N, C-alpha and C. Protein backbone atom coordinates (compact mmCIF):
# COMPACT_ATOMS: atom_id res chain seq x y z
N ASN A 1 6.52 -22.49 -15.54
CA ASN A 1 6.12 -22.69 -14.26
C ASN A 1 5.32 -21.66 -13.75
N LEU A 2 4.04 -21.80 -13.27
CA LEU A 2 3.25 -20.89 -12.83
C LEU A 2 3.60 -20.28 -11.47
N ASP A 3 4.52 -20.95 -10.68
CA ASP A 3 4.90 -20.43 -9.32
C ASP A 3 6.01 -19.44 -9.40
N VAL A 4 6.67 -19.23 -10.69
CA VAL A 4 7.82 -18.28 -10.82
C VAL A 4 7.29 -16.96 -11.21
N ALA A 5 7.64 -15.89 -10.50
CA ALA A 5 7.24 -14.51 -10.89
C ALA A 5 8.18 -14.02 -12.18
N LYS A 6 7.63 -13.03 -12.90
CA LYS A 6 8.40 -12.60 -14.16
C LYS A 6 9.68 -11.86 -13.57
N TYR A 7 9.72 -11.29 -12.32
CA TYR A 7 10.73 -10.50 -11.80
C TYR A 7 10.54 -10.33 -10.27
N TYR A 8 11.64 -10.07 -9.64
CA TYR A 8 11.58 -10.01 -8.18
C TYR A 8 12.12 -8.53 -7.93
N ILE A 9 11.66 -8.07 -6.82
CA ILE A 9 12.03 -6.69 -6.26
C ILE A 9 12.76 -6.82 -5.06
N ASP A 10 13.92 -6.43 -5.04
CA ASP A 10 14.85 -6.36 -3.83
C ASP A 10 14.21 -5.76 -2.52
N THR A 11 14.39 -6.56 -1.43
CA THR A 11 13.70 -6.01 -0.18
C THR A 11 14.82 -5.23 0.59
N GLY A 12 16.20 -5.25 0.25
CA GLY A 12 17.23 -4.76 0.96
C GLY A 12 17.75 -5.66 2.00
N ASN A 13 17.09 -6.90 2.05
CA ASN A 13 17.42 -7.86 3.09
C ASN A 13 17.71 -9.28 2.38
N LEU A 14 18.88 -9.78 2.46
CA LEU A 14 19.04 -10.92 1.82
C LEU A 14 18.29 -12.22 2.30
N ALA A 15 18.03 -12.19 3.57
CA ALA A 15 17.18 -13.35 4.18
C ALA A 15 15.76 -13.28 3.78
N ILE A 16 15.23 -11.99 3.70
CA ILE A 16 13.80 -11.82 3.17
C ILE A 16 13.70 -12.17 1.85
N ASN A 17 14.81 -11.77 0.98
CA ASN A 17 14.78 -11.94 -0.49
C ASN A 17 14.74 -13.48 -0.58
N TYR A 18 15.54 -14.13 0.10
CA TYR A 18 15.55 -15.66 -0.03
C TYR A 18 14.23 -16.37 0.28
N CYS A 19 13.68 -15.83 1.45
CA CYS A 19 12.38 -16.42 1.86
C CYS A 19 11.17 -16.14 0.81
N CYS A 20 11.39 -14.94 0.17
CA CYS A 20 10.25 -14.64 -0.82
C CYS A 20 10.37 -15.27 -2.16
N SER A 21 11.67 -15.55 -2.50
CA SER A 21 11.94 -15.90 -3.89
C SER A 21 12.81 -17.17 -3.98
N GLY A 22 13.47 -17.65 -2.99
CA GLY A 22 14.45 -18.65 -3.07
C GLY A 22 15.87 -18.32 -3.66
N LYS A 23 15.96 -16.95 -3.78
CA LYS A 23 17.23 -16.44 -4.26
C LYS A 23 17.80 -15.32 -3.40
N PHE A 24 19.05 -15.29 -3.09
CA PHE A 24 19.74 -14.18 -2.42
C PHE A 24 19.97 -13.12 -3.45
N ALA A 25 20.58 -13.42 -4.38
CA ALA A 25 20.91 -12.32 -5.53
C ALA A 25 19.78 -12.24 -6.60
N ASN A 26 19.32 -11.27 -6.95
CA ASN A 26 18.27 -10.99 -7.89
C ASN A 26 17.00 -11.52 -7.36
N GLY A 27 16.87 -11.59 -6.17
CA GLY A 27 15.68 -12.12 -5.50
C GLY A 27 14.82 -10.97 -4.69
N GLY A 28 13.75 -11.39 -4.06
CA GLY A 28 13.04 -10.45 -3.38
C GLY A 28 11.50 -10.74 -3.31
N ILE A 29 10.59 -9.83 -3.26
CA ILE A 29 9.22 -10.10 -3.35
C ILE A 29 8.93 -10.21 -4.92
N PRO A 30 7.86 -10.98 -5.18
CA PRO A 30 7.47 -11.26 -6.58
C PRO A 30 6.73 -10.10 -7.19
N GLY A 31 7.32 -9.64 -8.24
CA GLY A 31 6.64 -8.54 -9.02
C GLY A 31 5.33 -8.88 -9.56
N GLY A 32 4.42 -7.83 -9.54
CA GLY A 32 2.99 -8.07 -10.11
C GLY A 32 2.09 -8.75 -9.11
N ARG A 33 2.46 -8.89 -7.89
CA ARG A 33 1.63 -9.64 -6.87
C ARG A 33 1.56 -8.80 -5.66
N LEU A 34 0.66 -9.25 -4.75
CA LEU A 34 0.43 -8.55 -3.58
C LEU A 34 1.29 -9.20 -2.44
N THR A 35 1.99 -8.46 -1.72
CA THR A 35 2.78 -8.96 -0.52
C THR A 35 2.40 -8.31 0.84
N GLU A 36 2.07 -9.08 1.69
CA GLU A 36 1.72 -8.45 3.01
C GLU A 36 2.89 -8.65 4.00
N ILE A 37 3.22 -7.43 4.68
CA ILE A 37 4.15 -7.47 5.60
C ILE A 37 3.55 -7.06 7.06
N TYR A 38 3.54 -8.06 7.89
CA TYR A 38 2.86 -7.67 9.22
C TYR A 38 3.92 -8.04 10.53
N GLY A 39 3.51 -7.50 11.51
CA GLY A 39 4.25 -7.65 12.75
C GLY A 39 3.97 -6.57 13.80
N PRO A 40 4.58 -6.74 14.93
CA PRO A 40 4.19 -5.77 15.94
C PRO A 40 4.64 -4.47 15.63
N SER A 41 4.11 -3.43 16.43
CA SER A 41 4.53 -2.08 16.08
C SER A 41 6.06 -1.87 16.29
N ALA A 42 6.64 -1.04 15.54
CA ALA A 42 8.05 -0.81 15.58
C ALA A 42 8.91 -2.03 15.21
N SER A 43 8.39 -2.84 14.34
CA SER A 43 9.29 -4.04 14.02
C SER A 43 9.84 -3.81 12.55
N SER A 44 9.99 -2.67 12.09
CA SER A 44 10.74 -2.38 10.80
C SER A 44 9.80 -2.62 9.49
N LYS A 45 8.51 -2.65 9.75
CA LYS A 45 7.71 -2.96 8.51
C LYS A 45 7.77 -1.77 7.56
N SER A 46 7.66 -0.56 8.01
CA SER A 46 7.93 0.51 7.08
C SER A 46 9.38 0.74 6.50
N LEU A 47 10.32 0.32 7.24
CA LEU A 47 11.63 0.26 6.61
C LEU A 47 11.73 -0.76 5.65
N ILE A 48 11.18 -1.91 5.64
CA ILE A 48 11.16 -2.92 4.68
C ILE A 48 10.38 -2.30 3.29
N GLY A 49 9.37 -1.62 3.61
CA GLY A 49 8.48 -1.10 2.55
C GLY A 49 9.39 -0.10 1.82
N SER A 50 10.14 0.77 2.65
CA SER A 50 10.98 1.72 1.93
C SER A 50 12.04 1.03 1.14
N ASN A 51 12.70 0.02 1.75
CA ASN A 51 13.52 -0.80 0.89
C ASN A 51 13.02 -1.30 -0.46
N ILE A 52 11.84 -1.70 -0.38
CA ILE A 52 11.13 -2.27 -1.52
C ILE A 52 10.98 -1.10 -2.49
N LEU A 53 10.75 0.10 -2.10
CA LEU A 53 10.65 1.30 -2.97
C LEU A 53 12.01 1.54 -3.60
N ALA A 54 13.17 1.28 -2.82
CA ALA A 54 14.46 1.55 -3.33
C ALA A 54 14.75 0.32 -4.42
N GLY A 55 14.17 -0.90 -4.22
CA GLY A 55 14.44 -1.97 -5.01
C GLY A 55 13.66 -1.72 -6.38
N VAL A 56 12.53 -1.07 -6.39
CA VAL A 56 11.89 -0.98 -7.61
C VAL A 56 12.54 0.22 -8.36
N GLN A 57 13.26 1.17 -7.69
CA GLN A 57 14.00 2.26 -8.29
C GLN A 57 15.27 1.60 -8.96
N LYS A 58 15.84 0.52 -8.44
CA LYS A 58 16.99 -0.11 -9.02
C LYS A 58 16.56 -0.82 -10.36
N LEU A 59 15.33 -1.11 -10.34
CA LEU A 59 14.85 -1.87 -11.68
C LEU A 59 14.41 -0.73 -12.62
N GLY A 60 14.54 0.58 -12.34
CA GLY A 60 14.10 1.64 -13.26
C GLY A 60 12.62 1.86 -13.16
N GLY A 61 11.98 1.41 -12.09
CA GLY A 61 10.54 1.48 -11.94
C GLY A 61 10.03 2.70 -11.15
N ILE A 62 8.73 2.54 -10.96
CA ILE A 62 8.06 3.64 -10.26
C ILE A 62 7.65 3.23 -8.84
N GLY A 63 7.84 4.06 -7.72
CA GLY A 63 7.60 3.70 -6.45
C GLY A 63 6.60 4.74 -5.99
N ILE A 64 5.38 4.21 -5.37
CA ILE A 64 4.41 5.04 -4.80
C ILE A 64 4.26 4.57 -3.33
N ILE A 65 3.97 5.60 -2.47
CA ILE A 65 3.61 5.15 -0.98
C ILE A 65 2.36 5.87 -0.67
N LEU A 66 1.46 5.05 -0.08
CA LEU A 66 0.30 5.64 0.60
C LEU A 66 0.63 5.85 2.13
N ASP A 67 1.03 6.98 2.40
CA ASP A 67 1.46 7.31 3.93
C ASP A 67 0.27 7.56 4.73
N THR A 68 -0.52 6.61 5.14
CA THR A 68 -1.70 6.89 5.88
C THR A 68 -1.38 7.26 7.39
N GLU A 69 -0.15 6.97 7.79
CA GLU A 69 0.23 7.21 9.13
C GLU A 69 0.82 8.76 9.23
N ASN A 70 1.08 9.22 7.97
CA ASN A 70 1.69 10.53 7.86
C ASN A 70 2.97 10.60 8.73
N ALA A 71 3.81 9.45 8.52
CA ALA A 71 5.12 9.46 9.32
C ALA A 71 6.31 9.17 8.64
N ILE A 72 6.21 9.33 7.27
CA ILE A 72 7.35 9.13 6.45
C ILE A 72 8.41 10.10 6.76
N ASN A 73 9.63 9.74 6.97
CA ASN A 73 10.75 10.63 7.24
C ASN A 73 11.70 10.44 6.13
N GLY A 74 11.62 11.43 5.09
CA GLY A 74 12.43 11.23 3.88
C GLY A 74 13.82 11.12 4.06
N GLN A 75 14.39 11.94 5.01
CA GLN A 75 15.83 12.00 5.24
C GLN A 75 16.38 10.62 5.74
N PHE A 76 15.56 10.02 6.67
CA PHE A 76 15.85 8.66 7.16
C PHE A 76 15.77 7.67 5.96
N ILE A 77 14.77 7.67 5.21
CA ILE A 77 14.55 6.76 4.12
C ILE A 77 15.76 6.78 3.13
N GLN A 78 16.03 8.00 2.82
CA GLN A 78 17.25 8.16 1.81
C GLN A 78 18.52 7.64 2.48
N GLN A 79 18.78 7.83 3.82
CA GLN A 79 20.01 7.41 4.29
C GLN A 79 19.96 5.95 4.57
N ALA A 80 18.82 5.35 5.04
CA ALA A 80 18.71 3.95 5.30
C ALA A 80 18.68 3.02 4.19
N THR A 81 18.09 3.43 3.07
CA THR A 81 17.78 2.53 1.89
C THR A 81 18.43 2.97 0.55
N LYS A 82 18.93 4.15 0.54
CA LYS A 82 19.49 4.72 -0.77
C LYS A 82 18.38 5.04 -1.76
N CYS A 83 17.16 5.16 -1.28
CA CYS A 83 16.06 5.52 -2.09
C CYS A 83 16.09 6.97 -2.44
N ASP A 84 15.94 7.21 -3.80
CA ASP A 84 15.85 8.68 -4.11
C ASP A 84 14.35 9.14 -3.82
N ILE A 85 14.25 9.84 -2.80
CA ILE A 85 12.96 10.29 -2.30
C ILE A 85 12.24 11.22 -3.34
N ASN A 86 13.02 11.87 -4.10
CA ASN A 86 12.39 12.84 -4.99
C ASN A 86 11.79 12.18 -6.24
N LYS A 87 12.02 10.88 -6.27
CA LYS A 87 11.33 9.98 -7.38
C LYS A 87 10.22 9.26 -6.76
N ILE A 88 9.89 9.37 -5.46
CA ILE A 88 8.76 8.57 -4.84
C ILE A 88 7.57 9.44 -5.01
N ILE A 89 6.40 8.80 -5.42
CA ILE A 89 5.12 9.55 -5.37
C ILE A 89 4.52 9.15 -4.02
N ARG A 90 4.26 10.30 -3.34
CA ARG A 90 3.55 10.05 -1.92
C ARG A 90 2.15 10.53 -1.96
N TYR A 91 1.17 9.71 -1.46
CA TYR A 91 -0.21 10.17 -1.16
C TYR A 91 -0.48 9.96 0.17
N THR A 92 -1.38 10.75 0.66
CA THR A 92 -1.96 10.58 1.96
C THR A 92 -3.39 10.54 2.14
N PRO A 93 -4.05 9.48 1.72
CA PRO A 93 -5.46 9.32 1.69
C PRO A 93 -5.82 8.92 3.21
N VAL A 94 -7.02 9.15 3.48
CA VAL A 94 -7.39 9.13 4.93
C VAL A 94 -8.15 7.66 5.22
N THR A 95 -9.16 7.44 4.37
CA THR A 95 -10.05 6.27 4.75
C THR A 95 -9.63 5.18 3.91
N LEU A 96 -10.01 3.95 4.26
CA LEU A 96 -9.79 2.63 3.39
C LEU A 96 -10.39 2.73 2.11
N GLU A 97 -11.52 3.29 1.86
CA GLU A 97 -12.10 3.54 0.56
C GLU A 97 -11.18 4.60 -0.20
N ASP A 98 -10.66 5.64 0.42
CA ASP A 98 -9.80 6.68 -0.31
C ASP A 98 -8.49 5.92 -0.75
N CYS A 99 -8.04 5.00 0.13
CA CYS A 99 -6.74 4.41 -0.10
C CYS A 99 -6.93 3.44 -1.41
N PHE A 100 -7.92 2.67 -1.51
CA PHE A 100 -8.16 1.80 -2.54
C PHE A 100 -8.34 2.56 -3.81
N GLY A 101 -9.19 3.66 -3.71
CA GLY A 101 -9.50 4.51 -4.83
C GLY A 101 -8.19 5.07 -5.49
N THR A 102 -7.32 5.53 -4.53
CA THR A 102 -5.97 6.20 -4.84
C THR A 102 -5.23 5.01 -5.72
N ILE A 103 -5.16 3.88 -5.17
CA ILE A 103 -4.46 2.90 -5.87
C ILE A 103 -4.84 2.55 -7.30
N TYR A 104 -6.18 2.51 -7.41
CA TYR A 104 -6.81 2.22 -8.76
C TYR A 104 -6.60 3.42 -9.73
N ARG A 105 -6.69 4.67 -9.21
CA ARG A 105 -6.38 5.82 -10.03
C ARG A 105 -4.88 5.97 -10.42
N ALA A 106 -3.98 5.58 -9.58
CA ALA A 106 -2.57 5.63 -9.91
C ALA A 106 -2.27 4.63 -10.91
N ILE A 107 -2.90 3.39 -10.82
CA ILE A 107 -2.63 2.29 -11.83
C ILE A 107 -3.22 2.77 -13.21
N GLU A 108 -4.46 3.27 -13.23
CA GLU A 108 -4.99 3.78 -14.40
C GLU A 108 -4.16 4.84 -15.06
N TYR A 109 -3.59 5.81 -14.28
CA TYR A 109 -3.03 6.95 -14.75
C TYR A 109 -1.64 6.45 -15.41
N ILE A 110 -0.92 5.56 -14.68
CA ILE A 110 0.40 5.17 -15.20
C ILE A 110 0.11 4.35 -16.36
N ARG A 111 -0.61 3.28 -16.27
CA ARG A 111 -0.71 2.29 -17.36
C ARG A 111 -1.68 2.65 -18.61
N THR A 112 -2.75 3.31 -18.34
CA THR A 112 -3.66 3.69 -19.33
C THR A 112 -3.43 5.08 -19.99
N LYS A 113 -3.34 6.11 -19.11
CA LYS A 113 -3.35 7.51 -19.58
C LYS A 113 -1.89 7.69 -20.19
N LYS A 114 -0.85 7.29 -19.29
CA LYS A 114 0.62 7.58 -19.64
C LYS A 114 1.10 6.53 -20.51
N LYS A 115 0.54 5.42 -20.40
CA LYS A 115 1.13 4.21 -21.14
C LYS A 115 2.56 3.77 -20.78
N ILE A 116 2.99 3.96 -19.48
CA ILE A 116 4.18 3.65 -19.05
C ILE A 116 4.35 2.14 -18.66
N ASP A 117 5.33 1.57 -19.28
CA ASP A 117 5.50 0.05 -19.03
C ASP A 117 6.81 -0.19 -18.28
N LEU A 118 6.80 0.32 -17.01
CA LEU A 118 7.93 0.13 -16.15
C LEU A 118 7.35 -0.59 -14.90
N PRO A 119 8.21 -1.29 -14.07
CA PRO A 119 7.66 -1.88 -12.96
C PRO A 119 7.14 -0.86 -12.00
N VAL A 120 5.96 -1.11 -11.40
CA VAL A 120 5.32 -0.20 -10.36
C VAL A 120 5.09 -0.89 -9.01
N VAL A 121 5.61 -0.27 -8.03
CA VAL A 121 5.35 -0.81 -6.62
C VAL A 121 4.54 0.28 -5.78
N ILE A 122 3.46 -0.11 -5.22
CA ILE A 122 2.66 0.72 -4.49
C ILE A 122 2.73 0.14 -3.03
N VAL A 123 3.43 0.92 -2.06
CA VAL A 123 3.45 0.55 -0.69
C VAL A 123 2.34 1.17 0.12
N TYR A 124 1.45 0.51 0.85
CA TYR A 124 0.37 0.93 1.50
C TYR A 124 0.71 0.77 2.90
N ASP A 125 1.18 1.96 3.58
CA ASP A 125 1.67 1.98 4.93
C ASP A 125 0.72 2.88 5.84
N SER A 126 -0.10 2.35 6.52
CA SER A 126 -0.52 0.99 6.71
C SER A 126 -1.99 0.93 6.76
N ILE A 127 -2.34 -0.28 6.30
CA ILE A 127 -3.86 -0.59 6.14
C ILE A 127 -4.53 -0.65 7.56
N SER A 128 -3.68 -0.91 8.53
CA SER A 128 -4.30 -1.07 9.99
C SER A 128 -4.70 0.19 10.52
N VAL A 129 -4.19 1.37 10.05
CA VAL A 129 -4.62 2.50 10.69
C VAL A 129 -5.71 3.31 9.92
N SER A 130 -5.99 2.88 8.80
CA SER A 130 -6.94 3.57 7.92
C SER A 130 -8.40 3.22 8.35
N PRO A 131 -9.12 4.16 8.82
CA PRO A 131 -10.56 4.00 9.18
C PRO A 131 -11.51 3.93 7.98
N SER A 132 -12.71 3.32 8.20
CA SER A 132 -13.70 3.28 7.15
C SER A 132 -14.22 4.78 7.10
N ALA A 133 -14.82 5.02 5.96
CA ALA A 133 -15.40 6.43 5.87
C ALA A 133 -16.45 6.65 6.94
N ARG A 134 -17.29 5.60 7.19
CA ARG A 134 -18.19 5.82 8.32
C ARG A 134 -17.54 5.96 9.62
N GLU A 135 -16.51 5.29 9.91
CA GLU A 135 -15.80 5.54 11.16
C GLU A 135 -15.25 6.96 11.27
N LEU A 136 -14.85 7.47 10.24
CA LEU A 136 -14.28 8.87 10.17
C LEU A 136 -15.34 9.77 10.42
N ARG A 137 -16.58 9.68 10.05
CA ARG A 137 -17.65 10.49 10.12
C ARG A 137 -17.99 10.56 11.67
N GLU A 138 -17.79 9.47 12.46
CA GLU A 138 -18.12 9.57 13.78
C GLU A 138 -17.33 10.57 14.57
N THR A 139 -16.13 10.89 14.00
CA THR A 139 -15.35 12.04 14.66
C THR A 139 -15.94 13.37 14.59
N GLN A 140 -16.96 13.45 13.77
CA GLN A 140 -17.63 14.78 13.40
C GLN A 140 -18.81 15.03 14.38
N LEU A 141 -18.98 13.93 15.26
CA LEU A 141 -20.20 14.12 16.10
C LEU A 141 -19.96 15.17 17.26
N PRO A 142 -20.86 16.01 17.59
CA PRO A 142 -20.75 17.13 18.67
C PRO A 142 -20.78 16.33 19.99
N GLU A 143 -20.20 16.89 20.89
CA GLU A 143 -20.32 16.43 22.24
C GLU A 143 -21.73 16.28 22.72
N GLY A 144 -22.11 15.27 23.37
CA GLY A 144 -23.52 15.16 23.81
C GLY A 144 -24.46 15.02 22.54
N TYR A 145 -24.13 14.38 21.47
CA TYR A 145 -24.90 14.13 20.33
C TYR A 145 -26.09 13.47 20.66
N SER A 146 -27.20 13.63 19.83
CA SER A 146 -28.39 12.84 19.84
C SER A 146 -28.59 11.79 18.83
N LYS A 147 -29.50 10.85 18.92
CA LYS A 147 -29.67 9.84 17.96
C LYS A 147 -29.87 10.46 16.58
N ALA A 148 -30.59 11.60 16.60
CA ALA A 148 -30.81 12.27 15.23
C ALA A 148 -29.53 12.85 14.59
N ASP A 149 -28.61 13.45 15.59
CA ASP A 149 -27.28 13.79 15.02
C ASP A 149 -26.53 12.64 14.46
N PHE A 150 -26.59 11.65 15.20
CA PHE A 150 -25.78 10.42 14.80
C PHE A 150 -26.27 10.00 13.48
N LYS A 151 -27.49 9.86 13.23
CA LYS A 151 -28.06 9.36 11.88
C LYS A 151 -27.71 10.30 10.89
N ARG A 152 -27.97 11.60 11.15
CA ARG A 152 -27.56 12.60 10.07
C ARG A 152 -25.96 12.68 9.68
N ILE A 153 -25.28 12.60 10.72
CA ILE A 153 -23.81 12.73 10.45
C ILE A 153 -23.15 11.45 10.00
N VAL A 154 -23.44 10.33 10.71
CA VAL A 154 -22.76 9.07 10.52
C VAL A 154 -23.38 8.26 9.56
N GLY A 155 -24.73 8.17 9.67
CA GLY A 155 -25.62 7.43 8.72
C GLY A 155 -26.05 6.04 9.20
N SER A 156 -25.17 5.36 9.82
CA SER A 156 -25.42 4.06 10.29
C SER A 156 -24.48 3.64 11.29
N ASN A 157 -24.96 2.65 12.20
CA ASN A 157 -24.03 2.11 13.18
C ASN A 157 -23.11 1.08 12.64
N GLU A 158 -21.98 0.84 13.32
CA GLU A 158 -20.92 -0.07 12.82
C GLU A 158 -21.57 -1.45 12.51
N GLN A 159 -21.19 -1.99 11.43
CA GLN A 159 -21.54 -3.22 11.14
C GLN A 159 -20.54 -4.27 11.63
N PRO A 160 -20.95 -5.47 12.03
CA PRO A 160 -19.82 -6.39 12.36
C PRO A 160 -18.92 -6.83 11.29
N GLY A 161 -17.63 -6.67 11.48
CA GLY A 161 -16.69 -7.07 10.49
C GLY A 161 -16.58 -5.98 9.32
N GLU A 162 -17.01 -4.85 9.58
CA GLU A 162 -17.14 -3.73 8.67
C GLU A 162 -15.70 -3.46 7.85
N ARG A 163 -14.63 -3.32 8.64
CA ARG A 163 -13.37 -3.10 7.96
C ARG A 163 -12.87 -4.28 7.15
N ALA A 164 -13.20 -5.50 7.75
CA ALA A 164 -12.81 -6.66 7.09
C ALA A 164 -13.58 -6.95 5.77
N LYS A 165 -14.88 -6.59 5.76
CA LYS A 165 -15.63 -6.68 4.54
C LYS A 165 -15.12 -5.69 3.57
N ILE A 166 -14.70 -4.49 3.88
CA ILE A 166 -14.23 -3.52 2.92
C ILE A 166 -13.01 -4.06 2.32
N CYS A 167 -12.08 -4.41 3.15
CA CYS A 167 -10.78 -4.92 2.67
C CYS A 167 -10.83 -6.21 1.83
N SER A 168 -11.73 -7.06 2.21
CA SER A 168 -11.93 -8.26 1.39
C SER A 168 -12.43 -7.96 0.03
N LYS A 169 -13.47 -7.16 -0.01
CA LYS A 169 -14.04 -6.62 -1.28
C LYS A 169 -13.02 -5.97 -2.30
N GLU A 170 -12.36 -5.08 -1.67
CA GLU A 170 -11.31 -4.41 -2.30
C GLU A 170 -10.03 -5.10 -2.81
N LEU A 171 -9.68 -5.89 -1.87
CA LEU A 171 -8.44 -6.79 -2.19
C LEU A 171 -8.71 -7.76 -3.49
N ARG A 172 -9.97 -8.26 -3.46
CA ARG A 172 -10.31 -9.08 -4.57
C ARG A 172 -10.28 -8.40 -6.01
N LYS A 173 -10.83 -7.12 -5.93
CA LYS A 173 -10.79 -6.21 -7.21
C LYS A 173 -9.29 -5.89 -7.37
N LEU A 174 -8.54 -5.53 -6.33
CA LEU A 174 -7.18 -5.13 -6.45
C LEU A 174 -6.24 -6.28 -7.24
N ASN A 175 -6.56 -7.43 -6.73
CA ASN A 175 -5.85 -8.55 -7.22
C ASN A 175 -5.86 -8.63 -8.95
N THR A 176 -7.13 -8.41 -9.35
CA THR A 176 -7.41 -8.39 -10.84
C THR A 176 -6.69 -7.23 -11.41
N GLU A 177 -6.78 -6.06 -10.89
CA GLU A 177 -6.08 -4.85 -11.30
C GLU A 177 -4.45 -5.09 -11.42
N MET A 178 -3.91 -5.66 -10.35
CA MET A 178 -2.50 -6.00 -10.23
C MET A 178 -2.14 -6.95 -11.34
N GLU A 179 -2.86 -7.96 -11.57
CA GLU A 179 -2.54 -8.95 -12.64
C GLU A 179 -2.63 -8.42 -14.04
N GLN A 180 -3.70 -7.64 -14.20
CA GLN A 180 -3.86 -7.07 -15.64
C GLN A 180 -2.77 -6.00 -16.01
N ASN A 181 -2.47 -5.20 -14.90
CA ASN A 181 -1.59 -4.09 -15.06
C ASN A 181 -0.07 -4.34 -14.66
N ASP A 182 0.21 -5.59 -14.15
CA ASP A 182 1.66 -5.88 -13.71
C ASP A 182 2.07 -4.81 -12.67
N VAL A 183 1.36 -4.65 -11.70
CA VAL A 183 1.58 -3.78 -10.50
C VAL A 183 1.77 -4.56 -9.20
N THR A 184 2.71 -4.10 -8.47
CA THR A 184 2.93 -4.88 -7.18
C THR A 184 2.50 -3.96 -6.09
N VAL A 185 1.71 -4.68 -5.15
CA VAL A 185 1.35 -3.81 -4.00
C VAL A 185 1.86 -4.55 -2.68
N VAL A 186 2.35 -3.66 -1.83
CA VAL A 186 2.81 -4.19 -0.54
C VAL A 186 2.07 -3.56 0.52
């Protein structure tokens, strides 16, 4: 059956496990696929992501977090999820482009260079706060900047849907990488 995942990763919540896999026990998010968690601020999205990292550890796998908010509290994660934070790989990339590049490099390192064949989960927390590289360059503009300063530092004006276009392009590439390398991204 094409709809059944090879394995599931526990979310730490039986209701979410059931919604994602149809199983309470041994259920969760499907391995080797992309799972999006969304909701309002402070609605426990990061906690669910941390529980998923604990879930991959239960499977003997590798947990990676892209902490773009620079807000991970290791002590809280360890207490709330029983996740071994000493075994979590943490990256703090800044831009959307850096984040996706970090994901691709991590996959290549684990699967190609180290040839590790364990479940891998990458939690990207959170895509919504990652600026594009162009947006980040805007923060380097001096007060009272001129058009020439803008062109020299930033390069171009914002394009309609710029962030959406970057994400759409990168998620298409990421989908192929995940499938070929059996990596789960949240």
